[in-house]
């Protein structure tokens, strides 16, 4: 493991510890923890959260966490995901294999396995399989965008060995503070590509991570956002252009103003009023599309 990844894991962990200090499971949420969805209980486990008062099947949100492909797990996203569940959804919060221990396309394979798991366990956990949504932030937004392309773009899907569920496409997705293309020559991208990609980020590998180039007219509706202090602001504008080019329905939001500074993936900090607004907006977008 490089010094870069070691530093990222330490810094991100310290920040997440401060963000979540004192938070507990809300009284109105029931949770099912540490369900193994693959073959490796360390890397391939998930939680399911539901409102306690809910009866019957609920629309589903699958959360793809961020962390630059080298950091993060379901524990770091549990309070954000339970916050979404309080808005009337069953939420699936999963851990996937990280680089450099596991190289691309390991997290894509895990994401695919999770969607198979959701469909195969719908009865037990009360999932409405006609209303399966997903959210992803930062690197998780990249992965979710790519996985959605696997479900909608046969040419791109052929580049992978795994097969998505038959005829499955997420009903809609939420992409927050995301990165949608990875090019060498950037001080942030280069060390991540070196850790994540088998050959360190060749041109072909960069193309595999380019969400913008694999969107087509079959892509589902998208809610996406950025904010005042997001270092990936320009990526949102590129995504907007790609979605518009292919006539994909979408809603774009920008949060914060000159008096309200917000940082990258601020929406995970559920104490912030702006996070509440963003998470409301995301869930309202999904709810408007429920059958």
C-alpha atoms as a PDB file:
ATOM      1  CA  UNK A   1       0.000   0.000   0.000  1.00  0.00           C
ATOM      2  CA  UNK A   2       1.330   3.435  -0.941  1.00  0.00           C
ATOM      3  CA  UNK A   3       1.898   6.334   1.430  1.00  0.00           C
ATOM      4  CA  UNK A   4      -0.854   8.137  -0.489  1.00  0.00           C
ATOM      5  CA  UNK A   5      -3.486   5.529   0.385  1.00  0.00           C
ATOM      6  CA  UNK A   6      -2.291   5.277   3.975  1.00  0.00           C
ATOM      7  CA  UNK A   7      -2.666   9.047   4.340  1.00  0.00           C
ATOM      8  CA  UNK A   8      -6.095   9.092   2.661  1.00  0.00           C
ATOM      9  CA  UNK A   9      -7.397   6.380   4.968  1.00  0.00           C
ATOM     10  CA  UNK A  10      -6.099   8.121   8.077  1.00  0.00           C
ATOM     11  CA  UNK A  11      -7.359  11.592   7.143  1.00  0.00           C
ATOM     12  CA  UNK A  12     -10.774  10.439   5.938  1.00  0.00           C
ATOM     13  CA  UNK A  13     -11.241   8.232   8.992  1.00  0.00           C
ATOM     14  CA  UNK A  14     -10.450  11.067  11.377  1.00  0.00           C
ATOM     15  CA  UNK A  15     -12.894  13.360   9.574  1.00  0.00           C
ATOM     16  CA  UNK A  16     -15.673  10.764   9.585  1.00  0.00           C
ATOM     17  CA  UNK A  17     -15.117  10.095  13.289  1.00  0.00           C
ATOM     18  CA  UNK A  18     -15.667  13.780  14.034  1.00  0.00           C
ATOM     19  CA  UNK A  19     -18.705  13.962  11.754  1.00  0.00           C
ATOM     20  CA  UNK A  20     -20.490  10.989  13.325  1.00  0.00           C
ATOM     21  CA  UNK A  21     -19.481  11.454  16.964  1.00  0.00           C
ATOM     22  CA  UNK A  22     -22.494  10.950  19.234  1.00  0.00           C
ATOM     23  CA  UNK A  23     -24.877   9.695  16.532  1.00  0.00           C
ATOM     24  CA  UNK A  24     -26.962   6.615  17.268  1.00  0.00           C
ATOM     25  CA  UNK A  25     -29.570   4.534  15.469  1.00  0.00           C
ATOM     26  CA  UNK A  26     -32.851   6.507  15.339  1.00  0.00           C
ATOM     27  CA  UNK A  27     -35.698   5.069  17.404  1.00  0.00           C
ATOM     28  CA  UNK A  28     -37.939   4.864  14.337  1.00  0.00           C
ATOM     29  CA  UNK A  29     -35.547   2.669  12.301  1.00  0.00           C
ATOM     30  CA  UNK A  30     -35.192  -1.098  12.298  1.00  0.00           C
ATOM     31  CA  UNK A  31     -31.885  -2.384  10.990  1.00  0.00           C
ATOM     32  CA  UNK A  32     -30.601  -5.742   9.775  1.00  0.00           C
ATOM     33  CA  UNK A  33     -26.817  -5.731  10.046  1.00  0.00           C
ATOM     34  CA  UNK A  34     -23.811  -7.555   8.631  1.00  0.00           C
ATOM     35  CA  UNK A  35     -25.579  -9.655   6.017  1.00  0.00           C
ATOM     36  CA  UNK A  36     -22.979 -11.374   3.839  1.00  0.00           C
ATOM     37  CA  UNK A  37     -23.909 -10.944   0.187  1.00  0.00           C
ATOM     38  CA  UNK A  38     -20.821 -12.566  -1.370  1.00  0.00           C
ATOM     39  CA  UNK A  39     -18.114 -15.003  -0.341  1.00  0.00           C
ATOM     40  CA  UNK A  40     -15.962 -12.696   1.810  1.00  0.00           C
ATOM     41  CA  UNK A  41     -17.585 -11.586   5.079  1.00  0.00           C
ATOM     42  CA  UNK A  42     -14.930  -8.912   5.624  1.00  0.00           C
ATOM     43  CA  UNK A  43     -15.457  -7.056   2.354  1.00  0.00           C
ATOM     44  CA  UNK A  44     -18.844  -8.228   1.116  1.00  0.00           C
ATOM     45  CA  UNK A  45     -21.457  -7.430   3.726  1.00  0.00           C
ATOM     46  CA  UNK A  46     -24.450  -5.132   3.874  1.00  0.00           C
ATOM     47  CA  UNK A  47     -27.056  -3.622   6.173  1.00  0.00           C
ATOM     48  CA  UNK A  48     -30.749  -3.038   5.472  1.00  0.00           C
ATOM     49  CA  UNK A  49     -32.639  -0.172   7.139  1.00  0.00           C
ATOM     50  CA  UNK A  50     -36.418   0.309   7.193  1.00  0.00           C
ATOM     51  CA  UNK A  51     -38.812   2.640   9.023  1.00  0.00           C
ATOM     52  CA  UNK A  52     -40.219   0.671  11.962  1.00  0.00           C
ATOM     53  CA  UNK A  53     -43.761   1.815  11.283  1.00  0.00           C
ATOM     54  CA  UNK A  54     -43.702   0.790   7.617  1.00  0.00           C
ATOM     55  CA  UNK A  55     -45.804  -2.184   6.599  1.00  0.00           C
ATOM     56  CA  UNK A  56     -45.374  -4.120   3.379  1.00  0.00           C
ATOM     57  CA  UNK A  57     -43.055  -3.448   0.490  1.00  0.00           C
ATOM     58  CA  UNK A  58     -41.101  -0.229   0.233  1.00  0.00           C
ATOM     59  CA  UNK A  59     -39.208   1.438  -2.600  1.00  0.00           C
ATOM     60  CA  UNK A  60     -35.500   0.671  -2.285  1.00  0.00           C
ATOM     61  CA  UNK A  61     -32.374   2.836  -2.294  1.00  0.00           C
ATOM     62  CA  UNK A  62     -28.989   1.135  -2.723  1.00  0.00           C
ATOM     63  CA  UNK A  63     -26.105   3.294  -1.491  1.00  0.00           C
ATOM     64  CA  UNK A  64     -22.689   3.154  -3.194  1.00  0.00           C
ATOM     65  CA  UNK A  65     -20.249   4.849  -0.826  1.00  0.00           C
ATOM     66  CA  UNK A  66     -17.393   7.108  -1.856  1.00  0.00           C
ATOM     67  CA  UNK A  67     -13.775   7.176  -0.718  1.00  0.00           C
ATOM     68  CA  UNK A  68     -11.603   7.330  -3.826  1.00  0.00           C
ATOM     69  CA  UNK A  69     -11.839   3.550  -4.343  1.00  0.00           C
ATOM     70  CA  UNK A  70      -9.370   3.100  -1.454  1.00  0.00           C
ATOM     71  CA  UNK A  71     -11.437   4.046   1.613  1.00  0.00           C
ATOM     72  CA  UNK A  72     -14.826   3.552   3.193  1.00  0.00           C
ATOM     73  CA  UNK A  73     -17.364   0.949   4.250  1.00  0.00           C
ATOM     74  CA  UNK A  74     -20.988   0.678   5.298  1.00  0.00           C
ATOM     75  CA  UNK A  75     -20.230   1.784   8.863  1.00  0.00           C
ATOM     76  CA  UNK A  76     -19.135   5.201   7.582  1.00  0.00           C
ATOM     77  CA  UNK A  77     -22.438   5.607   5.727  1.00  0.00           C
ATOM     78  CA  UNK A  78     -24.876   4.091   8.208  1.00  0.00           C
ATOM     79  CA  UNK A  79     -26.275   7.352   9.605  1.00  0.00           C
ATOM     80  CA  UNK A  80     -26.712   8.907   6.173  1.00  0.00           C
ATOM     81  CA  UNK A  81     -28.447   5.757   4.939  1.00  0.00           C
ATOM     82  CA  UNK A  82     -30.743   5.598   7.965  1.00  0.00           C
ATOM     83  CA  UNK A  83     -31.565   9.257   7.331  1.00  0.00           C
ATOM     84  CA  UNK A  84     -32.747   8.256   3.864  1.00  0.00           C
ATOM     85  CA  UNK A  85     -34.730   5.346   5.309  1.00  0.00           C
ATOM     86  CA  UNK A  86     -36.598   7.745   7.597  1.00  0.00           C
ATOM     87  CA  UNK A  87     -38.032   9.277   4.436  1.00  0.00           C
ATOM     88  CA  UNK A  88     -39.964   6.094   3.647  1.00  0.00           C
ATOM     89  CA  UNK A  89     -37.470   3.828   1.883  1.00  0.00           C
ATOM     90  CA  UNK A  90     -35.788   0.504   2.490  1.00  0.00           C
ATOM     91  CA  UNK A  91     -32.089   1.320   2.214  1.00  0.00           C
ATOM     92  CA  UNK A  92     -29.306  -1.140   1.380  1.00  0.00           C
ATOM     93  CA  UNK A  93     -25.908   0.034   2.633  1.00  0.00           C
ATOM     94  CA  UNK A  94     -23.000  -2.169   1.551  1.00  0.00           C
ATOM     95  CA  UNK A  95     -19.251  -2.554   1.869  1.00  0.00           C
ATOM     96  CA  UNK A  96     -17.291  -3.411  -1.267  1.00  0.00           C
ATOM     97  CA  UNK A  97     -13.718  -4.474  -1.927  1.00  0.00           C
ATOM     98  CA  UNK A  98     -11.238  -1.592  -1.914  1.00  0.00           C
ATOM     99  CA  UNK A  99      -7.989  -0.899  -3.716  1.00  0.00           C
ATOM    100  CA  UNK A 100      -5.126  -1.553  -3.523  1.00  0.00           C
ATOM    101  CA  UNK A 101      -6.028  -4.870  -1.869  1.00  0.00           C
ATOM    102  CA  UNK A 102      -8.523  -5.469  -4.683  1.00  0.00           C
ATOM    103  CA  UNK A 103      -8.166  -3.863  -8.100  1.00  0.00           C
ATOM    104  CA  UNK A 104     -10.747  -2.777 -10.663  1.00  0.00           C
ATOM    105  CA  UNK A 105     -13.283  -4.146 -11.499  1.00  0.00           C
ATOM    106  CA  UNK A 106     -13.710  -5.708  -8.015  1.00  0.00           C
ATOM    107  CA  UNK A 107     -16.079  -3.001  -6.663  1.00  0.00           C
ATOM    108  CA  UNK A 108     -18.117  -3.140  -9.861  1.00  0.00           C
ATOM    109  CA  UNK A 109     -18.473  -6.895  -9.440  1.00  0.00           C
ATOM    110  CA  UNK A 110     -19.579  -6.370  -5.839  1.00  0.00           C
ATOM    111  CA  UNK A 111     -22.116  -3.751  -6.866  1.00  0.00           C
ATOM    112  CA  UNK A 112     -23.573  -6.193  -9.359  1.00  0.00           C
ATOM    113  CA  UNK A 113     -23.765  -8.910  -6.697  1.00  0.00           C
ATOM    114  CA  UNK A 114     -25.616  -6.508  -4.380  1.00  0.00           C
ATOM    115  CA  UNK A 115     -28.304  -5.767  -6.974  1.00  0.00           C
ATOM    116  CA  UNK A 116     -28.741  -9.503  -7.555  1.00  0.00           C
ATOM    117  CA  UNK A 117     -29.042  -9.898  -3.767  1.00  0.00           C
ATOM    118  CA  UNK A 118     -31.706  -7.186  -3.560  1.00  0.00           C
ATOM    119  CA  UNK A 119     -33.829  -8.874  -6.208  1.00  0.00           C
ATOM    120  CA  UNK A 120     -33.348 -12.342  -4.728  1.00  0.00           C
ATOM    121  CA  UNK A 121     -34.241 -11.241  -1.181  1.00  0.00           C
ATOM    122  CA  UNK A 122     -37.082  -8.873  -1.939  1.00  0.00           C
ATOM    123  CA  UNK A 123     -39.739 -10.886  -0.143  1.00  0.00           C
ATOM    124  CA  UNK A 124     -37.785 -11.308   3.089  1.00  0.00           C
ATOM    125  CA  UNK A 125     -36.912  -7.622   3.461  1.00  0.00           C
ATOM    126  CA  UNK A 126     -39.979  -6.040   1.879  1.00  0.00           C
ATOM    127  CA  UNK A 127     -38.410  -4.559  -1.257  1.00  0.00           C
ATOM    128  CA  UNK A 128     -40.578  -3.206  -4.058  1.00  0.00           C
ATOM    129  CA  UNK A 129     -38.608  -4.526  -7.029  1.00  0.00           C
ATOM    130  CA  UNK A 130     -40.429  -2.168  -9.363  1.00  0.00           C
ATOM    131  CA  UNK A 131     -38.940   0.831  -7.546  1.00  0.00           C
ATOM    132  CA  UNK A 132     -35.222   0.199  -7.040  1.00  0.00           C
ATOM    133  CA  UNK A 133     -33.165   3.385  -6.878  1.00  0.00           C
ATOM    134  CA  UNK A 134     -29.521   4.011  -6.053  1.00  0.00           C
ATOM    135  CA  UNK A 135     -27.293   6.817  -4.784  1.00  0.00           C
ATOM    136  CA  UNK A 136     -23.549   7.261  -5.005  1.00  0.00           C
ATOM    137  CA  UNK A 137     -21.161  10.042  -4.083  1.00  0.00           C
ATOM    138  CA  UNK A 138     -17.656  10.961  -5.224  1.00  0.00           C
ATOM    139  CA  UNK A 139     -15.978   7.745  -6.440  1.00  0.00           C
ATOM    140  CA  UNK A 140     -19.226   5.950  -5.576  1.00  0.00           C
ATOM    141  CA  UNK A 141     -21.033   8.198  -8.066  1.00  0.00           C
ATOM    142  CA  UNK A 142     -18.516   7.126 -10.694  1.00  0.00           C
ATOM    143  CA  UNK A 143     -19.128   3.456  -9.923  1.00  0.00           C
ATOM    144  CA  UNK A 144     -22.894   3.860  -9.892  1.00  0.00           C
ATOM    145  CA  UNK A 145     -22.794   5.714 -13.197  1.00  0.00           C
ATOM    146  CA  UNK A 146     -20.645   2.982 -14.725  1.00  0.00           C
ATOM    147  CA  UNK A 147     -22.831   0.203 -13.339  1.00  0.00           C
ATOM    148  CA  UNK A 148     -25.947   1.906 -14.694  1.00  0.00           C
ATOM    149  CA  UNK A 149     -24.215   1.996 -18.077  1.00  0.00           C
ATOM    150  CA  UNK A 150     -23.569  -1.754 -17.795  1.00  0.00           C
ATOM    151  CA  UNK A 151     -27.345  -2.151 -17.435  1.00  0.00           C
ATOM    152  CA  UNK A 152     -28.170   0.111 -20.384  1.00  0.00           C
ATOM    153  CA  UNK A 153     -25.248  -0.041 -22.847  1.00  0.00           C
ATOM    154  CA  UNK A 154     -24.574  -3.489 -24.315  1.00  0.00           C
ATOM    155  CA  UNK A 155     -21.264  -2.468 -25.883  1.00  0.00           C
ATOM    156  CA  UNK A 156     -19.927  -1.246 -22.562  1.00  0.00           C
ATOM    157  CA  UNK A 157     -21.372  -4.237 -20.662  1.00  0.00           C
ATOM    158  CA  UNK A 158     -19.444  -6.592 -22.942  1.00  0.00           C
ATOM    159  CA  UNK A 159     -16.186  -5.305 -21.430  1.00  0.00           C
ATOM    160  CA  UNK A 160     -17.028  -7.014 -18.106  1.00  0.00           C
ATOM    161  CA  UNK A 161     -17.226 -10.680 -17.146  1.00  0.00           C
ATOM    162  CA  UNK A 162     -20.198 -10.277 -14.798  1.00  0.00           C
ATOM    163  CA  UNK A 163     -23.823 -10.165 -15.927  1.00  0.00           C
ATOM    164  CA  UNK A 164     -26.386  -7.786 -14.394  1.00  0.00           C
ATOM    165  CA  UNK A 165     -29.836  -9.065 -13.441  1.00  0.00           C
ATOM    166  CA  UNK A 166     -31.934  -9.814 -16.507  1.00  0.00           C
ATOM    167  CA  UNK A 167     -33.722  -6.736 -17.863  1.00  0.00           C
ATOM    168  CA  UNK A 168     -32.723  -4.739 -14.771  1.00  0.00           C
ATOM    169  CA  UNK A 169     -32.132  -0.989 -14.832  1.00  0.00           C
ATOM    170  CA  UNK A 170     -32.339   1.184 -11.698  1.00  0.00           C
ATOM    171  CA  UNK A 171     -35.537   3.205 -11.733  1.00  0.00           C
ATOM    172  CA  UNK A 172     -33.461   6.348 -11.225  1.00  0.00           C
ATOM    173  CA  UNK A 173     -30.115   7.234  -9.652  1.00  0.00           C
ATOM    174  CA  UNK A 174     -28.739  10.023  -7.476  1.00  0.00           C
ATOM    175  CA  UNK A 175     -25.165  11.162  -8.133  1.00  0.00           C
ATOM    176  CA  UNK A 176     -23.702  13.521  -5.545  1.00  0.00           C
ATOM    177  CA  UNK A 177     -20.394  15.394  -5.721  1.00  0.00           C
ATOM    178  CA  UNK A 178     -19.284  12.834  -8.265  1.00  0.00           C
ATOM    179  CA  UNK A 179     -16.336  12.263 -10.545  1.00  0.00           C
ATOM    180  CA  UNK A 180     -17.386  11.092 -13.988  1.00  0.00           C
ATOM    181  CA  UNK A 181     -14.082  10.804 -15.847  1.00  0.00           C
ATOM    182  CA  UNK A 182     -10.542   9.963 -14.765  1.00  0.00           C
ATOM    183  CA  UNK A 183      -7.675  11.360 -16.806  1.00  0.00           C
ATOM    184  CA  UNK A 184      -3.980  11.035 -16.138  1.00  0.00           C
ATOM    185  CA  UNK A 185      -1.957  14.169 -15.556  1.00  0.00           C
ATOM    186  CA  UNK A 186      -3.923  15.312 -12.516  1.00  0.00           C
ATOM    187  CA  UNK A 187      -2.314  15.341  -9.074  1.00  0.00           C
ATOM    188  CA  UNK A 188      -5.488  13.841  -7.574  1.00  0.00           C
ATOM    189  CA  UNK A 189      -6.222  11.300 -10.292  1.00  0.00           C
ATOM    190  CA  UNK A 190      -2.769   9.863 -10.896  1.00  0.00           C
ATOM    191  CA  UNK A 191      -2.188   8.275  -7.473  1.00  0.00           C
ATOM    192  CA  UNK A 192      -5.744   6.909  -7.419  1.00  0.00           C
ATOM    193  CA  UNK A 193      -5.383   5.365 -10.862  1.00  0.00           C
ATOM    194  CA  UNK A 194      -2.077   3.841  -9.799  1.00  0.00           C
ATOM    195  CA  UNK A 195      -3.748   2.205  -6.789  1.00  0.00           C
ATOM    196  CA  UNK A 196      -7.027   1.201  -8.428  1.00  0.00           C
ATOM    197  CA  UNK A 197      -6.303   0.081 -11.987  1.00  0.00           C
ATOM    198  CA  UNK A 198      -4.417  -3.148 -12.791  1.00  0.00           C
ATOM    199  CA  UNK A 199      -2.055  -1.384 -15.189  1.00  0.00           C
ATOM    200  CA  UNK A 200      -1.856   1.930 -13.366  1.00  0.00           C
ATOM    201  CA  UNK A 201      -4.303   3.841 -15.557  1.00  0.00           C
ATOM    202  CA  UNK A 202      -3.594   3.222 -19.249  1.00  0.00           C
ATOM    203  CA  UNK A 203      -5.690   5.054 -21.845  1.00  0.00           C
ATOM    204  CA  UNK A 204      -7.949   2.016 -22.174  1.00  0.00           C
ATOM    205  CA  UNK A 205      -8.368   1.878 -18.393  1.00  0.00           C
ATOM    206  CA  UNK A 206      -9.193   5.578 -18.240  1.00  0.00           C
ATOM    207  CA  UNK A 207     -11.867   4.968 -20.873  1.00  0.00           C
ATOM    208  CA  UNK A 208     -13.372   2.212 -18.703  1.00  0.00           C
ATOM    209  CA  UNK A 209     -13.946   4.807 -15.945  1.00  0.00           C
ATOM    210  CA  UNK A 210     -15.470   7.477 -18.196  1.00  0.00           C
ATOM    211  CA  UNK A 211     -19.171   7.656 -17.334  1.00  0.00           C
ATOM    212  CA  UNK A 212     -19.738  10.521 -19.767  1.00  0.00           C
ATOM    213  CA  UNK A 213     -18.827   8.430 -22.805  1.00  0.00           C
ATOM    214  CA  UNK A 214     -21.106   5.468 -21.993  1.00  0.00           C
ATOM    215  CA  UNK A 215     -24.361   7.291 -21.288  1.00  0.00           C
ATOM    216  CA  UNK A 216     -27.012   6.664 -23.928  1.00  0.00           C
ATOM    217  CA  UNK A 217     -30.737   7.217 -24.397  1.00  0.00           C
ATOM    218  CA  UNK A 218     -31.555   4.159 -22.238  1.00  0.00           C
ATOM    219  CA  UNK A 219     -29.947   5.702 -19.152  1.00  0.00           C
ATOM    220  CA  UNK A 220     -32.542   6.203 -16.372  1.00  0.00           C
ATOM    221  CA  UNK A 221     -33.471   9.572 -14.827  1.00  0.00           C
ATOM    222  CA  UNK A 222     -30.738  11.219 -12.757  1.00  0.00           C
ATOM    223  CA  UNK A 223     -30.736  13.554  -9.771  1.00  0.00           C
ATOM    224  CA  UNK A 224     -27.280  15.066  -9.328  1.00  0.00           C
ATOM    225  CA  UNK A 225     -25.749  17.858  -7.340  1.00  0.00           C
ATOM    226  CA  UNK A 226     -22.628  19.698  -6.263  1.00  0.00           C
ATOM    227  CA  UNK A 227     -21.968  22.521  -3.802  1.00  0.00           C
ATOM    228  CA  UNK A 228     -19.924  25.626  -3.071  1.00  0.00           C
ATOM    229  CA  UNK A 229     -16.826  23.850  -1.730  1.00  0.00           C
ATOM    230  CA  UNK A 230     -16.884  20.742  -3.901  1.00  0.00           C
ATOM    231  CA  UNK A 231     -13.571  20.323  -5.730  1.00  0.00           C
ATOM    232  CA  UNK A 232     -15.487  18.322  -8.378  1.00  0.00           C
ATOM    233  CA  UNK A 233     -17.911  21.118  -9.302  1.00  0.00           C
ATOM    234  CA  UNK A 234     -16.952  21.091 -12.974  1.00  0.00           C
ATOM    235  CA  UNK A 235     -17.745  17.379 -13.228  1.00  0.00           C
ATOM    236  CA  UNK A 236     -21.421  18.140 -12.606  1.00  0.00           C
ATOM    237  CA  UNK A 237     -21.517  20.473 -15.612  1.00  0.00           C
ATOM    238  CA  UNK A 238     -19.926  17.806 -17.808  1.00  0.00           C
ATOM    239  CA  UNK A 239     -22.514  15.304 -16.633  1.00  0.00           C
ATOM    240  CA  UNK A 240     -25.331  17.733 -17.396  1.00  0.00           C
ATOM    241  CA  UNK A 241     -24.079  18.097 -20.967  1.00  0.00           C
ATOM    242  CA  UNK A 242     -23.848  14.329 -21.469  1.00  0.00           C
ATOM    243  CA  UNK A 243     -27.351  13.727 -20.107  1.00  0.00           C
ATOM    244  CA  UNK A 244     -28.801  16.517 -22.206  1.00  0.00           C
ATOM    245  CA  UNK A 245     -27.067  15.201 -25.330  1.00  0.00           C
ATOM    246  CA  UNK A 246     -28.898  11.880 -24.951  1.00  0.00           C
ATOM    247  CA  UNK A 247     -32.206  13.364 -23.743  1.00  0.00           C
ATOM    248  CA  UNK A 248     -31.945  11.690 -20.334  1.00  0.00           C
ATOM    249  CA  UNK A 249     -34.363  13.248 -17.800  1.00  0.00           C
ATOM    250  CA  UNK A 250     -32.421  14.878 -14.984  1.00  0.00           C
ATOM    251  CA  UNK A 251     -32.547  17.363 -12.125  1.00  0.00           C
ATOM    252  CA  UNK A 252     -29.455  19.361 -11.130  1.00  0.00           C
ATOM    253  CA  UNK A 253     -29.044  21.079  -7.786  1.00  0.00           C
ATOM    254  CA  UNK A 254     -26.337  23.365  -6.419  1.00  0.00           C
ATOM    255  CA  UNK A 255     -26.199  23.806  -2.641  1.00  0.00           C
ATOM    256  CA  UNK A 256     -24.716  26.604  -0.569  1.00  0.00           C
ATOM    257  CA  UNK A 257     -24.027  30.250  -1.314  1.00  0.00           C
ATOM    258  CA  UNK A 258     -21.511  32.988  -0.551  1.00  0.00           C
ATOM    259  CA  UNK A 259     -22.541  32.893   3.105  1.00  0.00           C
ATOM    260  CA  UNK A 260     -22.836  29.102   3.396  1.00  0.00           C
ATOM    261  CA  UNK A 261     -19.703  27.176   2.632  1.00  0.00           C
ATOM    262  CA  UNK A 262     -20.234  23.468   2.063  1.00  0.00           C
ATOM    263  CA  UNK A 263     -17.620  20.799   1.493  1.00  0.00           C
ATOM    264  CA  UNK A 264     -17.347  17.760  -0.733  1.00  0.00           C
ATOM    265  CA  UNK A 265     -20.015  15.125   0.150  1.00  0.00           C
ATOM    266  CA  UNK A 266     -21.555  17.453   2.754  1.00  0.00           C
ATOM    267  CA  UNK A 267     -24.856  15.561   2.406  1.00  0.00           C
ATOM    268  CA  UNK A 268     -23.491  12.657   4.489  1.00  0.00           C
ATOM    269  CA  UNK A 269     -23.255  14.976   7.519  1.00  0.00           C
ATOM    270  CA  UNK A 270     -26.881  14.661   8.548  1.00  0.00           C
ATOM    271  CA  UNK A 271     -26.537  17.383  11.200  1.00  0.00           C
ATOM    272  CA  UNK A 272     -26.297  20.043   8.489  1.00  0.00           C
ATOM    273  CA  UNK A 273     -29.559  21.731   7.436  1.00  0.00           C
ATOM    274  CA  UNK A 274     -28.251  21.752   3.862  1.00  0.00           C
ATOM    275  CA  UNK A 275     -27.782  17.976   4.051  1.00  0.00           C
ATOM    276  CA  UNK A 276     -31.403  17.640   5.138  1.00  0.00           C
ATOM    277  CA  UNK A 277     -32.496  19.720   2.163  1.00  0.00           C
ATOM    278  CA  UNK A 278     -30.338  17.740  -0.261  1.00  0.00           C
ATOM    279  CA  UNK A 279     -31.541  14.390   1.082  1.00  0.00           C
ATOM    280  CA  UNK A 280     -35.143  15.599   0.963  1.00  0.00           C
ATOM    281  CA  UNK A 281     -34.667  16.663  -2.646  1.00  0.00           C
ATOM    282  CA  UNK A 282     -33.105  13.324  -3.592  1.00  0.00           C
ATOM    283  CA  UNK A 283     -35.851  11.261  -1.977  1.00  0.00           C
ATOM    284  CA  UNK A 284     -38.619  13.469  -3.354  1.00  0.00           C
ATOM    285  CA  UNK A 285     -37.163  12.956  -6.842  1.00  0.00           C
ATOM    286  CA  UNK A 286     -37.227   9.193  -6.344  1.00  0.00           C
ATOM    287  CA  UNK A 287     -40.693   9.232  -4.799  1.00  0.00           C
ATOM    288  CA  UNK A 288     -42.070  11.103  -7.806  1.00  0.00           C
ATOM    289  CA  UNK A 289     -41.027   8.138  -9.986  1.00  0.00           C
ATOM    290  CA  UNK A 290     -42.437   5.345  -7.834  1.00  0.00           C
ATOM    291  CA  UNK A 291     -45.022   3.256  -9.601  1.00  0.00           C
END
